[in-house]
Amino acid sequence: MSWLHYLGAKLFKSSRLKPNTIVVGIDTPSYRLASYLQQAHLANVVAFIDDEPWSNRTDILGVTVRYPSDLSALIERWQVTTVIEFDGNGLIPDNVREELKRLSFEYVVLDPAITPDHWAQQIQDSL
């Protein structure tokens, strides 16, 4: 079983409907993760989050890139169940993190320095 299939099975095993998910970042690991989640029909990626003004409102994999300040509104609007961020990207400011504490969703932080085969285990440990 591939690491991404395992990751998807662990994250989204209990739901027949594809859960709405937000991916924080638009770098290579974020792209690879979102691409797999879409291709395997494991999640509905509703937004990417990035703080660069030139990437705001652009599309990646058919999904709109939004600012970190939009995160809580997106979670509420799309009833997001999972937000996945790669450690060290620093895209979400402290005031937004405080705002997110009142919302109910799973927040998973992955280490981009480890091999992708270990991401699934890291997600499982976080949940």
Protein backbone atom coordinates (compact mmCIF):
# COMPACT_ATOMS: atom_id res chain seq x y z
CA MET A 1 0.00 0.00 0.00
CA SER A 2 1.46 3.37 -0.98
CA TRP A 3 2.07 6.00 1.68
CA LEU A 4 -0.54 8.32 0.16
CA HIS A 5 -3.18 5.59 0.01
CA TYR A 6 -2.44 4.75 3.65
CA LEU A 7 -2.64 8.43 4.57
CA GLY A 8 -6.00 8.77 2.87
CA ALA A 9 -7.35 5.61 4.44
CA LYS A 10 -6.36 6.77 7.93
CA LEU A 11 -7.56 10.35 7.55
CA PHE A 12 -10.86 9.68 5.86
CA LYS A 13 -11.76 6.09 6.71
CA SER A 14 -15.01 6.77 8.54
CA SER A 15 -16.74 8.96 6.00
CA ARG A 16 -18.45 7.88 2.81
CA LEU A 17 -18.64 11.48 1.67
CA LYS A 18 -15.41 13.16 0.73
CA PRO A 19 -14.48 15.46 3.61
CA ASN A 20 -13.72 19.08 2.83
CA THR A 21 -10.03 19.76 3.37
CA ILE A 22 -7.77 22.83 3.21
CA VAL A 23 -4.08 22.55 2.38
CA VAL A 24 -1.85 25.29 3.80
CA GLY A 25 0.91 26.13 1.34
CA ILE A 26 1.43 25.85 -2.39
CA ASP A 27 4.88 24.29 -2.40
CA THR A 28 5.74 20.88 -3.86
CA PRO A 29 4.73 18.76 -0.83
CA SER A 30 1.40 20.60 -0.57
CA TYR A 31 0.75 20.15 -4.27
CA ARG A 32 1.62 16.43 -4.17
CA LEU A 33 -0.62 15.82 -1.19
CA ALA A 34 -3.60 17.70 -2.63
CA SER A 35 -3.16 16.07 -6.01
CA TYR A 36 -3.29 12.61 -4.50
CA LEU A 37 -6.28 13.38 -2.28
CA GLN A 38 -8.19 14.53 -5.36
CA GLN A 39 -7.10 11.71 -7.66
CA ALA A 40 -7.90 9.03 -5.09
CA HIS A 41 -11.28 10.68 -4.34
CA LEU A 42 -10.40 10.76 -0.65
CA ALA A 43 -11.02 14.44 0.02
CA ASN A 44 -12.52 17.52 -1.49
CA VAL A 45 -9.72 20.10 -1.35
CA VAL A 46 -11.63 23.39 -1.10
CA ALA A 47 -8.70 25.81 -0.81
CA PHE A 48 -4.98 26.28 -0.71
CA ILE A 49 -3.63 28.91 1.68
CA ASP A 50 -0.73 31.20 0.76
CA ASP A 51 0.29 34.67 1.92
CA GLU A 52 1.83 35.96 -1.31
CA PRO A 53 -0.35 38.59 -3.02
CA TRP A 54 0.50 37.38 -6.54
CA SER A 55 -0.86 33.91 -5.82
CA ASN A 56 -4.14 35.03 -4.21
CA ARG A 57 -7.23 33.99 -6.20
CA THR A 58 -5.21 31.88 -8.62
CA ASP A 59 -6.13 28.25 -9.23
CA ILE A 60 -4.03 25.17 -8.49
CA LEU A 61 -5.56 21.80 -9.37
CA GLY A 62 -8.85 23.61 -9.92
CA VAL A 63 -8.79 24.98 -6.36
CA THR A 64 -8.51 28.66 -5.46
CA VAL A 65 -5.55 29.97 -3.44
CA ARG A 66 -6.68 32.19 -0.57
CA TYR A 67 -5.02 34.34 2.10
CA PRO A 68 -4.44 33.01 5.65
CA SER A 69 -6.88 35.64 6.93
CA ASP A 70 -9.65 33.84 4.98
CA LEU A 71 -9.06 30.54 6.77
CA SER A 72 -11.75 30.69 9.48
CA ALA A 73 -14.40 31.88 7.02
CA LEU A 74 -13.48 29.07 4.63
CA ILE A 75 -13.68 26.47 7.40
CA GLU A 76 -17.15 27.67 8.38
CA ARG A 77 -18.45 28.16 4.84
CA TRP A 78 -17.28 24.80 3.49
CA GLN A 79 -17.67 22.85 6.77
CA VAL A 80 -14.02 21.84 6.58
CA THR A 81 -13.09 18.82 8.66
CA THR A 82 -9.31 18.79 8.11
CA VAL A 83 -6.61 21.43 7.63
CA ILE A 84 -3.18 20.12 6.67
CA GLU A 85 -0.05 22.26 6.99
CA PHE A 86 3.60 21.46 6.47
CA ASP A 87 5.75 22.50 9.43
CA GLY A 88 7.96 25.50 8.99
CA ASN A 89 6.00 27.34 6.34
CA GLY A 90 4.83 30.00 8.83
CA LEU A 91 1.90 31.04 6.67
CA ILE A 92 -0.69 31.32 9.41
CA PRO A 93 -0.23 34.35 11.68
CA ASP A 94 -0.80 34.07 15.44
CA ASN A 95 -4.00 36.15 15.38
CA VAL A 96 -5.53 33.77 12.82
CA ARG A 97 -4.44 30.76 14.89
CA GLU A 98 -6.23 32.26 17.89
CA GLU A 99 -9.37 32.75 15.81
CA LEU A 100 -9.24 29.11 14.67
CA LYS A 101 -9.37 27.80 18.25
CA ARG A 102 -13.13 28.37 18.38
CA LEU A 103 -13.75 26.13 15.36
CA SER A 104 -14.06 22.36 15.26
CA PHE A 105 -11.73 20.66 12.77
CA GLU A 106 -8.66 18.42 12.71
CA TYR A 107 -5.40 20.35 12.32
CA VAL A 108 -2.56 18.19 11.04
CA VAL A 109 1.04 19.45 10.79
CA LEU A 110 3.43 17.43 8.64
CA ASP A 111 7.21 17.62 8.51
CA PRO A 112 8.33 18.23 4.90
CA ALA A 113 11.88 17.12 5.73
CA ILE A 114 10.93 13.50 6.31
CA THR A 115 10.20 11.11 3.50
CA PRO A 116 6.67 10.98 2.14
CA ASP A 117 6.38 7.39 3.37
CA HIS A 118 6.43 8.74 6.92
CA TRP A 119 3.73 11.40 6.41
CA ALA A 120 0.95 8.86 6.88
CA GLN A 121 2.37 7.80 10.24
CA GLN A 122 2.78 11.42 11.30
CA ILE A 123 -0.87 12.13 10.43
CA GLN A 124 -2.04 9.07 12.31
CA ASP A 125 -0.06 10.15 15.39
CA SER A 126 -1.56 13.65 15.22
CA LEU A 127 -5.17 12.53 15.20
